[in-house]
Protein backbone atom coordinates (compact mmCIF):
# COMPACT_ATOMS: atom_id res chain seq x y z
CA MET A 1 -66.51 -13.77 82.04
CA GLN A 2 -67.67 -17.60 82.47
CA PHE A 3 -65.02 -19.01 80.45
CA PHE A 4 -62.37 -18.76 78.96
CA PRO A 5 -60.43 -21.53 76.03
CA THR A 6 -57.82 -23.16 76.81
CA SER A 7 -54.57 -21.96 74.82
CA PHE A 8 -52.98 -24.56 72.10
CA PRO A 9 -49.27 -25.05 72.05
CA ASP A 10 -47.05 -22.28 70.45
CA GLU A 11 -50.70 -20.45 69.51
CA SER A 12 -50.53 -16.43 69.67
CA LEU A 13 -52.33 -14.34 71.93
CA PHE A 14 -54.70 -13.03 68.69
CA SER A 15 -55.53 -17.14 67.89
CA LEU A 16 -56.49 -17.21 71.35
CA ILE A 17 -58.96 -14.09 71.48
CA ALA A 18 -60.40 -15.08 67.94
CA ARG A 19 -61.23 -19.04 69.03
CA TYR A 20 -63.12 -17.27 72.51
CA HIS A 21 -65.18 -14.96 69.70
CA ARG A 22 -66.64 -18.18 68.34
CA LEU A 23 -67.32 -19.78 71.64
CA SER A 24 -68.73 -16.87 73.15
CA GLY A 25 -71.49 -16.69 70.67
CA HIS A 26 -70.93 -12.54 70.45
CA HIS A 27 -72.88 -11.44 67.12
CA ASP A 28 -70.10 -8.15 66.41
CA ASP A 29 -66.50 -8.77 67.13
CA ARG A 30 -66.41 -5.16 68.74
CA ASP A 31 -68.82 -6.78 71.46
CA THR A 32 -65.52 -9.34 71.93
CA LEU A 33 -63.57 -6.57 72.31
CA HIS A 34 -64.78 -4.63 74.15
CA GLU A 35 -65.80 -7.57 76.78
CA LEU A 36 -61.56 -8.41 76.93
CA PHE A 37 -60.47 -5.09 76.78
CA GLY A 38 -62.94 -2.35 78.13
CA LYS A 39 -63.25 -0.74 74.57
CA HIS A 40 -64.57 -1.71 70.88
CA THR A 41 -61.75 0.37 69.04
CA GLN A 42 -58.92 -1.95 70.40
CA ILE A 43 -56.58 -3.67 67.85
CA VAL A 44 -55.22 -7.38 68.84
CA SER A 45 -51.70 -7.66 66.81
CA SER A 46 -50.45 -10.67 66.53
CA HIS A 47 -47.03 -9.14 68.00
CA LEU A 48 -47.01 -6.80 70.11
CA PRO A 49 -50.06 -6.08 71.87
CA SER A 50 -51.00 -3.86 74.87
CA LEU A 51 -53.81 -3.77 77.03
CA LEU A 52 -52.32 -6.92 78.59
CA ASP A 53 -53.13 -6.36 82.71
CA THR A 54 -56.82 -5.21 81.99
CA LEU A 55 -57.39 -8.67 80.19
CA ALA A 56 -55.39 -10.62 82.58
CA SER A 57 -58.05 -8.77 85.40
CA ARG A 58 -60.68 -9.85 83.64
CA LEU A 59 -60.21 -13.54 82.90
CA PRO A 60 -61.77 -15.85 84.96
CA GLN A 61 -59.65 -17.07 88.22
CA ALA A 62 -59.58 -20.58 86.86
CA VAL A 63 -58.08 -19.78 83.92
CA ALA A 64 -54.28 -18.31 86.15
CA LEU A 65 -53.08 -16.27 83.09
CA ASP A 66 -51.31 -13.16 84.14
CA ALA A 67 -50.01 -10.41 82.11
CA GLN A 68 -46.42 -11.96 82.05
CA ASP A 69 -47.60 -15.24 81.59
CA ILE A 70 -49.26 -14.02 77.97
CA VAL A 71 -46.10 -12.13 77.57
CA ASP A 72 -43.72 -14.85 77.74
CA ARG A 73 -46.21 -17.56 76.04
CA HIS A 74 -48.79 -15.57 73.28
CA THR A 75 -46.70 -12.88 71.57
CA LEU A 76 -42.97 -12.41 69.89
CA PHE A 77 -41.34 -10.33 72.61
CA PRO A 78 -39.26 -13.80 73.38
CA TYR A 79 -37.70 -13.71 70.62
CA TYR A 80 -36.52 -9.83 70.52
CA ARG A 81 -36.18 -9.59 74.49
CA PRO A 82 -32.17 -11.57 74.36
CA PHE A 83 -30.79 -9.05 72.01
CA LEU A 84 -32.92 -5.79 73.92
CA THR A 85 -31.19 -3.29 77.17
CA GLU A 86 -32.62 -3.65 79.86
CA ARG A 87 -33.90 -0.09 79.78
CA GLN A 88 -35.42 -1.93 76.19
CA VAL A 89 -37.50 -4.56 78.22
CA ALA A 90 -38.58 -2.58 80.86
CA LEU A 91 -39.87 -0.01 78.50
CA SER A 92 -41.38 -2.64 76.86
CA LEU A 93 -43.05 -5.07 79.16
CA ILE A 94 -44.84 -1.42 80.16
CA ALA A 95 -46.03 -0.67 77.21
CA MET A 96 -47.52 -3.78 76.43
CA LYS A 97 -48.87 -4.28 80.18
CA GLY A 98 -50.51 -0.85 80.15
CA PRO A 99 -53.11 1.39 77.81
CA SER A 100 -51.21 1.79 74.38
CA ALA A 101 -47.92 0.66 72.43
CA SER A 102 -47.71 3.49 70.44
CA GLY A 103 -43.88 4.26 69.79
CA LEU A 104 -43.01 0.13 71.12
CA LYS A 105 -41.47 -1.16 67.70
CA THR A 106 -39.76 2.29 67.23
CA LEU A 107 -38.22 2.12 70.92
CA MET A 108 -37.18 -1.45 69.76
CA GLY A 109 -35.21 -0.40 67.57
CA LEU A 110 -37.88 -2.59 64.70
CA ILE A 111 -38.16 0.28 62.77
CA ALA A 112 -34.40 1.80 62.06
CA SER A 113 -33.36 -1.70 61.73
CA GLN A 114 -34.68 -1.43 57.98
CA VAL A 115 -36.71 -4.99 58.86
CA GLY A 116 -39.46 -3.59 59.54
CA GLY A 117 -42.28 -3.90 62.41
CA GLY A 118 -45.36 -5.34 60.29
CA ASN A 119 -47.92 -7.41 61.74
CA CYS A 120 -48.53 -10.58 59.61
CA TYR A 121 -50.51 -13.43 59.41
CA ARG A 122 -49.08 -16.56 57.90
CA TYR A 123 -49.97 -20.34 58.49
CA CYS A 124 -49.01 -24.04 57.07
CA GLU A 125 -51.27 -25.65 55.24
CA GLN A 126 -49.82 -29.16 56.83
CA CYS A 127 -49.84 -27.52 60.38
CA SER A 128 -53.46 -26.61 59.87
CA GLU A 129 -54.64 -30.31 58.50
CA ARG A 130 -52.36 -31.46 62.52
CA ASP A 131 -54.32 -29.25 64.35
CA VAL A 132 -57.45 -30.51 62.96
CA GLU A 133 -56.67 -34.35 64.13
CA LEU A 134 -55.62 -32.71 67.10
CA VAL A 135 -57.34 -29.87 68.70
CA GLY A 136 -60.50 -29.80 66.02
CA GLN A 137 -59.16 -26.65 64.78
CA PRO A 138 -56.35 -24.69 62.99
CA TYR A 139 -55.23 -21.55 64.77
CA TRP A 140 -52.49 -18.91 64.12
CA HIS A 141 -48.99 -20.84 65.54
CA ARG A 142 -46.63 -17.79 66.43
CA ALA A 143 -43.55 -19.36 65.04
CA HIS A 144 -45.07 -18.62 61.76
CA GLN A 145 -45.48 -14.91 62.45
CA LEU A 146 -41.93 -14.18 62.91
CA PRO A 147 -39.78 -11.96 60.78
CA ALA A 148 -38.71 -13.63 57.18
CA VAL A 149 -39.96 -17.09 58.22
CA HIS A 150 -41.45 -18.20 54.65
CA ILE A 151 -41.23 -21.40 55.71
CA CYS A 152 -42.87 -23.97 58.37
CA ALA A 153 -39.71 -25.12 60.36
CA GLN A 154 -41.89 -28.37 61.32
CA HIS A 155 -43.04 -29.28 57.13
CA GLY A 156 -40.56 -27.13 55.47
CA ALA A 157 -43.45 -26.79 53.18
CA PRO A 158 -43.72 -22.58 51.93
CA LEU A 159 -46.41 -21.27 54.29
CA VAL A 160 -49.47 -19.04 53.51
CA GLU A 161 -49.28 -15.25 53.84
CA LEU A 162 -52.38 -13.24 54.21
CA ALA A 163 -52.58 -9.73 52.26
CA ALA A 164 -51.66 -6.58 54.61
CA SER A 165 -54.04 -4.73 52.64
CA TRP A 166 -56.75 -7.15 53.63
CA VAL A 167 -55.15 -7.30 56.80
CA ALA A 168 -55.23 -2.82 56.93
CA GLN A 169 -58.50 -3.03 56.38
CA HIS A 170 -60.37 -5.65 59.37
CA ARG A 171 -57.56 -4.34 61.75
CA HIS A 172 -61.00 -4.77 64.46
CA GLN A 173 -62.16 -8.27 63.08
CA LEU A 174 -60.93 -11.52 64.80
CA PHE A 175 -60.14 -14.13 62.54
CA LEU A 176 -59.05 -17.88 61.81
CA PRO A 177 -57.21 -19.61 59.49
CA ALA A 178 -60.54 -21.35 57.80
CA ASP A 179 -62.27 -18.09 57.45
CA ARG A 180 -63.29 -18.20 54.07
CA GLU A 181 -61.86 -14.31 53.45
CA VAL A 182 -59.04 -15.71 54.60
CA ILE A 183 -58.19 -18.24 52.29
CA LEU A 184 -59.76 -16.10 49.84
CA HIS A 185 -57.16 -13.32 50.48
CA ALA A 186 -53.98 -15.60 51.18
CA LYS A 187 -51.22 -16.78 48.70
CA HIS A 188 -48.20 -19.02 49.33
CA VAL A 189 -44.99 -17.24 49.38
CA VAL A 190 -43.07 -17.89 47.04
CA VAL A 191 -39.44 -19.62 48.32
CA SER A 192 -37.59 -20.64 45.26
CA ALA A 193 -35.39 -23.83 45.45
CA GLN A 194 -31.94 -22.91 45.36
CA HIS A 195 -33.08 -20.92 48.41
CA ARG A 196 -35.61 -23.29 50.16
CA GLU A 197 -32.87 -24.46 52.36
CA GLY A 198 -31.49 -21.47 54.02
CA MET A 199 -34.83 -20.20 54.62
CA LEU A 200 -35.65 -23.44 56.10
CA ALA A 201 -32.47 -23.25 58.96
CA LEU A 202 -33.24 -19.64 59.29
CA SER A 203 -36.84 -20.77 60.24
CA ILE A 204 -35.67 -23.48 62.79
CA LEU A 205 -33.48 -21.18 63.87
CA SER A 206 -35.58 -18.66 64.74
CA ARG A 207 -38.07 -20.79 66.32
CA GLN A 208 -35.02 -22.18 69.00
CA VAL A 209 -35.04 -18.26 69.77
CA LEU A 210 -38.77 -17.71 70.61
CA ASN A 211 -39.26 -21.02 72.71
CA LEU A 212 -36.04 -21.63 74.81
CA HIS A 213 -37.54 -18.02 76.43
CA LEU A 214 -34.13 -16.60 77.08
CA ASP A 215 -33.13 -13.45 79.42
CA ILE A 216 -31.74 -10.64 78.03
CA ILE A 217 -27.36 -11.38 76.97
CA PRO A 218 -25.74 -7.98 77.25
CA THR A 219 -24.09 -6.31 73.92
CA ARG A 220 -20.53 -6.91 74.64
CA ARG A 221 -21.09 -11.41 75.09
CA LEU A 222 -22.60 -10.98 71.99
CA GLN A 223 -19.44 -9.18 71.00
CA ASP A 224 -16.89 -11.33 72.58
CA PHE A 225 -19.10 -14.47 71.60
CA TYR A 226 -18.91 -13.11 67.64
CA ARG A 227 -15.49 -13.16 67.44
CA SER A 228 -14.92 -16.11 69.19
CA LEU A 229 -16.57 -18.04 66.32
CA ALA A 230 -14.94 -15.50 63.56
CA SER A 231 -11.65 -16.74 65.35
CA ASP A 232 -12.38 -20.42 64.57
CA LEU A 233 -12.87 -19.96 61.11
CA GLY A 234 -10.26 -17.65 60.73
CA PHE A 235 -11.54 -14.34 60.30
CA THR A 236 -9.54 -12.38 62.50
CA HIS A 237 -5.67 -10.81 62.55
CA ALA A 238 -3.51 -12.75 65.42
CA GLY A 239 -4.14 -9.03 67.91
CA GLY A 240 -7.57 -10.28 67.50
CA ARG A 241 -8.93 -7.37 64.53
CA VAL A 242 -11.77 -8.31 61.96
CA MET A 243 -10.54 -9.02 58.62
CA VAL A 244 -12.85 -7.19 57.48
CA ALA A 245 -13.32 -8.22 53.85
CA GLU A 246 -13.11 -11.94 54.55
CA LEU A 247 -15.65 -11.95 56.77
CA SER A 248 -17.80 -9.58 54.12
CA GLN A 249 -17.27 -12.07 51.57
CA GLN A 250 -18.17 -14.95 53.75
CA VAL A 251 -22.05 -13.08 55.12
CA ARG A 252 -22.34 -12.46 51.38
CA GLN A 253 -22.38 -15.70 50.64
CA GLN A 254 -24.70 -16.51 53.24
CA VAL A 255 -27.03 -13.85 51.91
CA SER A 256 -27.38 -14.81 48.55
CA SER A 257 -28.94 -18.85 49.72
CA LEU A 258 -31.54 -16.75 51.27
CA SER A 259 -34.24 -15.41 49.95
CA ALA A 260 -34.77 -11.51 49.08
CA ASN A 261 -38.28 -11.02 49.88
CA GLY A 262 -39.52 -8.51 52.25
CA ALA A 263 -37.62 -8.45 55.95
CA MET A 264 -34.68 -10.17 53.84
CA GLN A 265 -34.16 -7.20 51.37
CA CYS A 266 -32.36 -5.41 53.88
CA LEU A 267 -29.37 -7.69 54.41
CA GLN A 268 -28.84 -7.97 50.38
CA ARG A 269 -25.70 -6.47 49.13
CA PRO A 270 -24.63 -2.96 49.27
CA ALA A 271 -23.20 -0.86 47.02
CA SER A 272 -19.26 -0.73 48.89
CA GLY A 273 -19.76 -4.07 48.86
CA LEU A 274 -18.78 -4.69 52.38
CA GLN A 275 -21.29 -5.75 55.06
CA ASP A 276 -21.45 -3.51 57.62
CA TRP A 277 -24.13 -4.66 59.69
CA ALA A 278 -22.71 -7.81 60.41
CA ILE A 279 -19.26 -5.79 61.05
CA SER A 280 -21.43 -3.54 63.98
CA LEU A 281 -22.07 -6.52 65.80
CA LEU A 282 -18.42 -7.27 65.99
CA ARG A 283 -17.75 -3.91 67.36
CA LYS A 284 -18.46 -1.85 70.14
CA SER A 285 -21.95 -0.75 69.24
CA ARG A 286 -24.16 1.49 70.93
CA LYS A 287 -27.87 0.70 69.42
CA SER A 288 -29.51 -2.37 69.25
CA THR A 289 -30.17 -4.82 66.11
CA HIS A 290 -32.59 -6.52 65.02
CA PRO A 291 -33.21 -10.17 65.75
CA LEU A 292 -32.63 -11.51 62.37
CA LYS A 293 -29.67 -9.69 61.47
CA HIS A 294 -28.60 -11.70 64.90
CA LEU A 295 -29.47 -14.77 63.47
CA VAL A 296 -27.95 -14.56 59.46
CA LEU A 297 -24.74 -13.74 60.90
CA LEU A 298 -24.66 -16.86 63.90
CA GLN A 299 -25.27 -18.67 60.17
CA CYS A 300 -22.41 -17.25 58.63
CA LEU A 301 -20.29 -18.08 61.65
CA ASN A 302 -21.16 -21.77 61.75
CA GLY A 303 -23.44 -21.05 65.21
CA LYS A 304 -25.82 -22.84 66.34
CA ILE A 305 -28.37 -22.41 69.48
CA GLU A 306 -26.45 -24.32 72.02
CA HIS A 307 -23.44 -21.91 71.24
CA LEU A 308 -26.22 -18.84 71.99
CA LEU A 309 -27.94 -20.44 74.61
CA MET A 310 -24.18 -20.23 76.08
CA ALA A 311 -23.44 -16.84 75.78
CA ALA A 312 -26.46 -16.32 77.55
CA ASN A 313 -25.69 -17.74 80.60
CA GLU A 314 -21.56 -17.40 80.73
CA THR A 315 -18.89 -15.25 79.44
CA VAL A 316 -17.41 -16.30 75.94
CA LYS A 317 -13.57 -16.63 76.14
CA ILE A 318 -11.93 -15.71 73.21
CA SER A 319 -9.31 -18.50 71.24
CA ARG A 320 -7.44 -15.68 69.23
CA PRO A 321 -5.25 -17.85 66.50
CA SER A 322 -1.16 -17.82 67.06
CA SER A 323 -0.16 -16.29 64.18
CA ARG A 324 -2.21 -14.43 60.66
CA SER A 325 -0.95 -16.95 57.85
CA LEU A 326 1.21 -15.25 55.68
CA PRO A 327 0.98 -15.51 51.67
CA PRO A 328 2.36 -18.64 49.26
CA PRO A 329 6.09 -18.11 48.95
CA VAL A 330 7.01 -16.63 45.75
CA PRO A 331 10.14 -18.68 44.92
CA ALA A 332 13.94 -17.00 45.01
CA LEU A 333 14.70 -15.11 42.92
CA PRO A 334 18.05 -15.08 40.80
CA GLY A 335 19.89 -12.95 42.21
CA ASN A 336 20.58 -10.19 39.49
CA GLN A 337 16.96 -9.40 39.18
CA LEU A 338 16.51 -8.95 42.74
CA ARG A 339 20.28 -6.49 41.89
CA THR A 340 18.57 -4.83 39.42
CA MET A 341 15.18 -4.02 41.95
CA LEU A 342 18.00 -2.80 44.78
CA VAL A 343 20.26 -0.80 42.73
CA ASP A 344 18.72 -0.01 39.40
CA LEU A 345 15.46 0.77 40.22
CA GLN A 346 16.45 2.44 43.52
CA TYR A 347 13.27 0.38 45.34
CA SER A 348 13.23 0.31 48.74
CA LEU A 349 13.37 -3.08 50.69
CA ARG A 350 9.81 -2.62 52.16
CA ARG A 351 8.62 -1.84 48.68
CA CYS A 352 10.27 -4.70 46.92
CA ALA A 353 8.41 -7.13 50.17
CA GLN A 354 4.99 -5.71 49.09
CA LEU A 355 5.38 -6.45 45.33
CA LEU A 356 7.08 -9.97 46.02
CA GLY A 357 5.13 -10.94 48.38
CA LYS A 358 7.76 -11.72 50.94
CA SER A 359 8.92 -10.62 54.25
CA VAL A 360 11.59 -7.48 54.28
CA THR A 361 13.88 -9.59 56.71
CA THR A 362 13.68 -12.35 54.41
CA LEU A 363 14.70 -9.61 51.30
CA ARG A 364 17.42 -8.29 53.59
CA ILE A 365 19.15 -11.87 54.48
CA GLU A 366 18.82 -12.65 50.01
CA ALA A 367 20.54 -9.38 49.28
CA ALA A 368 23.74 -10.22 52.16
CA GLN A 369 24.10 -13.57 50.29
CA GLY A 370 24.28 -11.94 47.26
CA GLY A 371 26.63 -9.38 48.41
CA ILE A 372 23.97 -6.97 47.36
CA PRO A 373 24.06 -3.44 48.91
CA VAL A 374 20.68 -2.19 50.77
CA ALA A 375 21.24 1.16 51.47
CA LYS A 376 20.09 1.70 55.22
CA ARG A 377 17.71 4.84 56.78
CA PRO A 378 19.09 7.17 59.03
CA LYS A 379 17.97 6.83 62.69
CA LYS A 380 18.37 10.34 63.01
CA LEU A 381 18.38 13.52 60.72
CA ASP A 382 21.32 15.84 60.73
CA GLY A 383 21.15 19.23 60.36
CA PRO A 384 21.41 20.18 56.68
CA THR A 385 18.55 17.99 56.37
CA MET A 386 16.85 19.41 59.16
CA ALA A 387 16.60 22.51 57.04
CA ILE A 388 16.39 21.16 53.99
CA LEU A 389 12.65 19.28 55.14
CA THR A 390 11.90 22.39 57.51
CA ARG A 391 11.75 24.59 54.00
CA ALA A 392 9.51 21.81 52.60
CA LEU A 393 7.15 22.01 55.23
CA GLN A 394 6.87 25.62 54.74
CA SER A 395 4.43 25.49 51.86
CA ASN A 396 0.87 23.21 51.04
CA THR A 397 2.06 20.03 49.75
CA ALA A 398 0.46 16.74 50.86
CA LEU A 399 3.01 15.17 53.89
CA GLU A 400 2.94 11.50 51.62
CA THR A 401 4.58 13.35 48.79
CA LEU A 402 6.98 15.25 50.89
CA ALA A 403 7.99 11.77 52.22
CA ARG A 404 8.74 10.52 49.05
CA ARG A 405 10.42 13.18 47.69
CA HIS A 406 12.71 14.00 50.42
CA GLN A 407 12.79 9.62 51.07
CA THR A 408 12.15 10.01 54.83
CA SER A 409 9.12 8.78 56.34
CA THR A 410 5.42 10.67 57.17
CA VAL A 411 6.70 10.05 61.01
CA SER A 412 9.80 12.19 60.94
CA LEU A 413 7.93 14.75 59.02
CA TYR A 414 5.23 15.10 61.97
CA ARG A 415 7.67 15.11 64.91
CA LEU A 416 9.83 17.86 62.73
CA LEU A 417 6.11 20.22 63.03
CA ARG A 418 5.79 19.71 66.72
CA MET A 419 9.13 20.33 66.98
CA PHE A 420 9.02 23.98 65.56
CA PRO A 421 5.61 25.23 65.75
CA ASP A 422 6.06 28.81 63.12
CA VAL A 423 6.59 26.03 60.76
CA ALA A 424 3.28 24.47 61.66
CA LYS A 425 1.25 27.64 61.63
CA VAL A 426 2.56 29.35 58.05
CA ARG A 427 1.98 25.88 56.77
CA LYS A 428 -1.49 25.21 58.39
CA GLU A 429 -2.10 29.21 56.93
CA LEU A 430 -0.89 27.67 53.03
CA ILE A 431 -3.24 24.94 53.53
CA PHE A 432 -6.28 26.59 54.81
CA VAL A 433 -5.39 29.18 51.68
CA ASN A 434 -5.24 27.04 49.33
CA GLN A 435 -8.22 24.96 50.50
CA ARG A 436 -10.83 28.33 50.85
CA ASP A 437 -9.94 29.73 47.28
CA ARG A 438 -11.16 26.14 45.75
CA ARG A 439 -13.96 26.45 48.13
CA ARG A 440 -14.81 29.79 46.98
CA LYS A 441 -14.06 28.99 43.35
CA ARG A 442 -16.59 26.02 43.35
CA PHE A 443 -19.09 28.05 45.61
CA VAL A 444 -19.26 30.26 42.36
CA ARG A 445 -19.04 27.71 39.64
CA GLY A 446 -22.32 26.13 41.62
CA HIS A 447 -25.18 24.91 39.67
CA PRO A 448 -27.60 27.74 38.57
CA THR A 449 -30.33 26.17 39.62
CA ALA A 450 -29.33 25.02 43.09
CA LEU A 451 -29.91 26.73 45.88
CA LEU A 452 -27.18 29.32 47.14
CA ARG A 453 -27.49 26.94 50.72
CA ALA A 454 -27.62 23.89 49.06
CA ARG A 455 -23.98 24.13 47.61
CA PRO A 456 -21.59 21.84 49.35
CA ASP A 457 -19.16 24.54 50.23
CA TYR A 458 -21.96 26.98 52.13
CA ALA A 459 -21.66 25.47 55.40
CA TRP A 460 -17.74 25.39 55.53
CA LEU A 461 -17.48 28.89 53.88
CA HIS A 462 -20.12 30.73 56.58
CA ARG A 463 -17.93 28.47 59.43
CA ASN A 464 -14.52 29.71 58.20
CA ASP A 465 -15.10 32.85 55.29
CA ARG A 466 -18.63 34.00 56.26
CA GLU A 467 -17.85 38.24 55.10
CA TRP A 468 -17.01 36.73 51.86
CA LEU A 469 -20.07 34.54 51.96
CA THR A 470 -22.35 37.26 52.37
CA HIS A 471 -20.47 39.84 50.01
CA THR A 472 -21.03 37.27 47.42
CA ILE A 473 -24.30 36.46 48.28
CA GLU A 474 -26.00 39.77 48.26
CA THR A 475 -24.47 40.97 45.16
CA THR A 476 -25.05 37.83 43.13
CA PRO A 477 -28.56 38.33 41.12
CA ARG A 478 -30.74 35.38 42.00
CA ARG A 479 -31.73 32.89 39.57
CA LEU A 480 -34.69 31.29 38.06
CA ILE A 481 -35.26 27.88 40.02
CA VAL A 482 -37.69 25.67 38.01
CA HIS A 483 -38.71 22.48 39.14
CA ASN A 484 -39.88 19.60 37.04
CA ALA A 485 -42.77 18.22 38.11
CA ARG A 486 -42.55 13.89 38.82
CA ILE A 487 -45.84 14.12 39.13
CA ASP A 488 -48.82 14.60 36.82
CA TRP A 489 -51.57 16.27 39.47
CA GLY A 490 -54.16 17.20 37.12
CA ARG A 491 -54.53 13.38 35.66
CA ARG A 492 -53.83 12.18 38.89
CA ASP A 493 -56.37 14.53 40.25
CA GLN A 494 -59.40 12.83 37.69
CA GLU A 495 -58.07 9.14 38.26
CA MET A 496 -58.43 9.77 41.97
CA ALA A 497 -61.99 11.99 41.68
CA ASP A 498 -63.22 8.71 39.47
CA ALA A 499 -61.85 6.43 41.95
CA VAL A 500 -63.56 7.77 44.88
CA ARG A 501 -67.07 7.94 43.35
CA GLU A 502 -67.10 4.21 42.80
CA CYS A 503 -65.71 3.64 46.09
CA SER A 504 -68.51 5.26 47.87
CA GLN A 505 -70.95 3.32 45.63
CA GLU A 506 -69.66 -0.03 46.47
CA LEU A 507 -69.75 1.34 50.23
CA TYR A 508 -73.04 2.42 50.17
CA ALA A 509 -74.16 -0.85 48.78
CA VAL A 510 -72.50 -3.19 51.44
CA GLU A 511 -75.28 -4.99 53.34
CA LYS A 512 -74.79 -3.42 56.62
CA PRO A 513 -74.52 -0.27 56.58
CA VAL A 514 -70.95 1.39 57.66
CA ARG A 515 -69.47 4.53 57.24
CA VAL A 516 -68.66 6.33 53.89
CA SER A 517 -65.39 8.26 55.06
CA GLN A 518 -62.49 9.68 53.68
CA SER A 519 -60.35 7.32 55.85
CA ALA A 520 -62.84 4.14 54.58
CA ILE A 521 -62.63 5.30 50.62
CA GLY A 522 -58.49 6.39 51.67
CA ARG A 523 -57.61 2.46 52.47
CA LYS A 524 -60.08 1.12 50.36
CA ILE A 525 -58.26 2.17 46.62
CA GLY A 526 -54.92 2.33 48.77
CA CYS A 527 -54.35 6.55 48.44
CA LEU A 528 -55.13 6.93 52.46
CA ALA A 529 -51.73 9.23 52.90
CA VAL A 530 -52.30 11.35 49.69
CA LEU A 531 -55.94 12.60 50.51
CA GLU A 532 -54.53 13.71 53.60
CA LYS A 533 -51.33 15.40 52.97
CA HIS A 534 -51.94 16.62 49.06
CA LEU A 535 -55.71 17.24 49.07
CA ILE A 536 -54.53 20.88 48.09
CA LYS A 537 -53.61 19.73 44.97
CA LEU A 538 -56.72 17.56 44.16
CA PRO A 539 -59.66 19.65 43.41
CA LEU A 540 -61.96 17.43 41.37
CA THR A 541 -61.42 15.11 44.21
CA ALA A 542 -61.84 17.33 47.09
CA VAL A 543 -65.32 18.08 45.43
CA ALA A 544 -65.82 14.26 44.47
CA LEU A 545 -65.02 13.78 48.26
CA ALA A 546 -67.74 16.39 49.44
CA ALA A 547 -70.31 15.00 47.45
CA CYS A 548 -70.18 11.57 49.12
CA VAL A 549 -68.89 10.85 52.23
CA GLU A 550 -71.58 11.58 55.22
CA THR A 551 -71.67 12.82 58.21
CA THR A 552 -72.03 10.71 61.53
CA ALA A 553 -76.13 11.80 62.23
CA GLN A 554 -76.62 11.04 58.36
CA PHE A 555 -74.35 7.29 58.46
CA GLN A 556 -76.79 7.03 61.99
CA CYS A 557 -79.95 7.59 60.60
CA ARG A 558 -79.26 5.89 57.35
CA ARG A 559 -78.17 2.80 60.14
CA LEU A 560 -81.27 2.72 61.69
CA SER A 561 -83.17 3.02 58.89
CA TRP A 562 -81.81 0.07 57.55
CA ALA A 563 -82.35 -1.50 61.66
CA ALA A 564 -85.95 -0.95 60.71
CA ARG A 565 -86.07 -2.54 57.32
CA GLN A 566 -84.58 -6.25 58.94
CA MET A 567 -87.04 -6.03 61.72
CA TYR A 568 -89.71 -5.54 59.07
CA HIS A 569 -88.91 -8.55 57.15
CA GLN A 570 -87.58 -11.02 60.37
CA GLY A 571 -91.62 -9.93 62.00
CA LEU A 572 -89.91 -8.76 64.99
CA PRO A 573 -92.00 -5.73 66.57
CA PRO A 574 -89.72 -2.80 67.62
CA SER A 575 -88.37 -2.22 71.43
CA TRP A 576 -87.45 0.98 71.51
């Protein structure tokens, strides 16, 4: 290579290669891909590309750009790196520098995070105008391609996003924001007025993480960092435990200020009402989490990028509150009312404290001042009491029920079970028999159209009562299982057959020949997966495909005929 363009500030690798394609004068995009990567089928991702070692080895020496520089300056990997493990980072770099990045997004946890790892192409109209003034042409900025970035962090304007379906059909095309086809298939990202401020703050924070080039932050250090911020806001108990309900409420308020489009859908309020993904970041975790979730939690805890930078460089010390704030005090009760609760209703001090929102010690002092007798729980069990409890434990009654019935604690009952193994054995057998009988009845009463192995008690009976289960299955007559088809395959077959014929005519009518294959037709009509997996259910569509698609030899002959016609019209003599 004789030259390679100098990169612009915050330019993605895809944009850099697209600009080189324009400057090189190559007629076809695949010629540029073959020159840079050694194969014309290479798909240049705007996020996490591959074959970077090959690209760096083919660049001119004056460029002084190696594979690691490309990763740090022209990809989105610096955005993900702080929240990955050392193993993930090492394997990711090997994949990006090597011949294939297949499985890279699964390795980094992007697929399991439910945020996704799609390659989006967004640009800001004001940034494009500014790029024209400064460098002469617009280009793709890395910060605009980050997950859930819908607003420009510099101008505060909604971004323009290229349709994913168009990108999928032009995987080998090198395009720039000013191209006519890009403008035709792009549209503004819709962000409501109530979400604009929150999305702008998230865009600014995401761009800061990308540009800081942070190193790996250990998971334990991140956990301590989040716990420290939560402790400062009063979301932890005196012992350091997280107040799950209070923190979930804070996270819900923050998420409600963000748009629910695209990648943000995974953060919406779950059915349980608890933000499990946020709570897991404050606890010991054995899996990687998408950076988007870290940044949203950082905003919820009033954290800034300076705090994250500090967590990356040094260990965080958790400042725990001295004591948990107590509920508002309840006015002192009249003596006769407290006497009624303790003497007439036979409530315990603990129950009174729970109902009144006061401590047990406070109520004990008030009872002593009013001369109200308070029954004291014995610290030891005498002989007759132990005999009564031992007989009661030889049943399948729940321990909590026995404790309330005999006015004792569940701890004492557990101690008795450890003291008398025979009693524990009898109780265990009774519980097993009771559970077995209940599961047998439910299994026999199961839904008539459900498979035997699909019933909820099948696994337990297979482990603990296999002989009865086998006999029951063998003696039970088979029941007819009726499947209600949710898809009208006949109607779909007719519609797709018509769509295949119409699409094939459009592909044959393209000026420069493209091969009319099953994959090309499936991608264009948006049903490639259906054609690949369910073609046996679509006989009319299969016949239409067989009549429309062309073999490789047929396509080559058609392409040669087109080339001959082009040379004839241009008056050029054939050279071969």
